[in-house]
Amino acid sequence: MFNPFSMGKDMKGMEKMVKPALEKFMKDSGFVKKEELERALERIDSLERKINELERK
């Protein structure tokens, strides 16, 4: 029987199961190019270092 009040809870559970698999599929299938991801991560690291240096002053 369909229970509309538990639908939100069910959707959260499905999201928890499907999200990691979907992210892995997208990375492996070329939706996210590895080079672009690495450049973005390097940029984030450099910005975090700059922020940390500014906070120390």
C-alpha atoms as a PDB file:
ATOM      1  CA  MET A   1       0.000   0.000   0.000  1.00  0.00           C
ATOM      2  CA  PHE A   2       1.258   3.485  -0.852  1.00  0.00           C
ATOM      3  CA  ASN A   3       2.069   5.711   2.121  1.00  0.00           C
ATOM      4  CA  PRO A   4       2.640   9.349   1.072  1.00  0.00           C
ATOM      5  CA  PHE A   5       4.037  10.238   4.500  1.00  0.00           C
ATOM      6  CA  SER A   6       6.978   7.855   4.232  1.00  0.00           C
ATOM      7  CA  MET A   7       7.824   8.848   0.665  1.00  0.00           C
ATOM      8  CA  GLY A   8      10.416  11.440   1.762  1.00  0.00           C
ATOM      9  CA  LYS A   9      12.170   8.909   3.960  1.00  0.00           C
ATOM     10  CA  ASP A  10      12.191   6.356   1.139  1.00  0.00           C
ATOM     11  CA  MET A  11      13.627   8.897  -1.317  1.00  0.00           C
ATOM     12  CA  LYS A  12      16.448   9.761   1.118  1.00  0.00           C
ATOM     13  CA  GLY A  13      17.314   6.074   1.409  1.00  0.00           C
ATOM     14  CA  MET A  14      17.362   5.648  -2.351  1.00  0.00           C
ATOM     15  CA  GLU A  15      19.561   8.733  -2.736  1.00  0.00           C
ATOM     16  CA  LYS A  16      22.085   7.329  -0.252  1.00  0.00           C
ATOM     17  CA  MET A  17      22.292   4.096  -2.240  1.00  0.00           C
ATOM     18  CA  VAL A  18      22.340   5.571  -5.749  1.00  0.00           C
ATOM     19  CA  LYS A  19      24.493   8.696  -5.299  1.00  0.00           C
ATOM     20  CA  PRO A  20      27.901   6.979  -4.827  1.00  0.00           C
ATOM     21  CA  ALA A  21      27.279   4.666  -7.777  1.00  0.00           C
ATOM     22  CA  LEU A  22      26.196   7.571  -9.962  1.00  0.00           C
ATOM     23  CA  GLU A  23      29.261   9.635  -9.027  1.00  0.00           C
ATOM     24  CA  LYS A  24      31.544   6.698  -9.830  1.00  0.00           C
ATOM     25  CA  PHE A  25      29.800   6.147 -13.154  1.00  0.00           C
ATOM     26  CA  MET A  26      30.100   9.802 -14.101  1.00  0.00           C
ATOM     27  CA  LYS A  27      33.815   9.896 -13.279  1.00  0.00           C
ATOM     28  CA  ASP A  28      34.570   6.631 -15.095  1.00  0.00           C
ATOM     29  CA  SER A  29      32.438   7.384 -18.148  1.00  0.00           C
ATOM     30  CA  GLY A  30      34.102  10.685 -18.965  1.00  0.00           C
ATOM     31  CA  PHE A  31      31.411  13.082 -17.786  1.00  0.00           C
ATOM     32  CA  VAL A  32      34.054  14.550 -15.507  1.00  0.00           C
ATOM     33  CA  LYS A  33      37.421  14.585 -17.207  1.00  0.00           C
ATOM     34  CA  LYS A  34      40.212  13.556 -14.891  1.00  0.00           C
ATOM     35  CA  GLU A  35      42.482  16.420 -16.008  1.00  0.00           C
ATOM     36  CA  GLU A  36      39.784  19.005 -15.333  1.00  0.00           C
ATOM     37  CA  LEU A  37      39.099  17.520 -11.936  1.00  0.00           C
ATOM     38  CA  GLU A  38      42.784  17.483 -11.009  1.00  0.00           C
ATOM     39  CA  ARG A  39      43.218  21.122 -12.117  1.00  0.00           C
ATOM     40  CA  ALA A  40      40.192  22.146 -10.080  1.00  0.00           C
ATOM     41  CA  LEU A  41      41.470  20.308  -7.004  1.00  0.00           C
ATOM     42  CA  GLU A  42      44.903  21.915  -7.373  1.00  0.00           C
ATOM     43  CA  ARG A  43      43.267  25.336  -7.649  1.00  0.00           C
ATOM     44  CA  ILE A  44      41.204  24.675  -4.526  1.00  0.00           C
ATOM     45  CA  ASP A  45      44.335  23.627  -2.626  1.00  0.00           C
ATOM     46  CA  SER A  46      46.197  26.779  -3.663  1.00  0.00           C
ATOM     47  CA  LEU A  47      43.265  28.986  -2.660  1.00  0.00           C
ATOM     48  CA  GLU A  48      43.010  27.233   0.708  1.00  0.00           C
ATOM     49  CA  ARG A  49      46.724  27.829   1.308  1.00  0.00           C
ATOM     50  CA  LYS A  50      46.323  31.529   0.460  1.00  0.00           C
ATOM     51  CA  ILE A  51      43.360  31.856   2.807  1.00  0.00           C
ATOM     52  CA  ASN A  52      45.266  30.125   5.600  1.00  0.00           C
ATOM     53  CA  GLU A  53      48.225  32.487   5.087  1.00  0.00           C
ATOM     54  CA  LEU A  54      45.931  35.521   5.247  1.00  0.00           C
ATOM     55  CA  GLU A  55      44.271  34.249   8.426  1.00  0.00           C
ATOM     56  CA  ARG A  56      47.653  33.877  10.140  1.00  0.00           C
ATOM     57  CA  LYS A  57      48.513  37.544   9.587  1.00  0.00           C
END
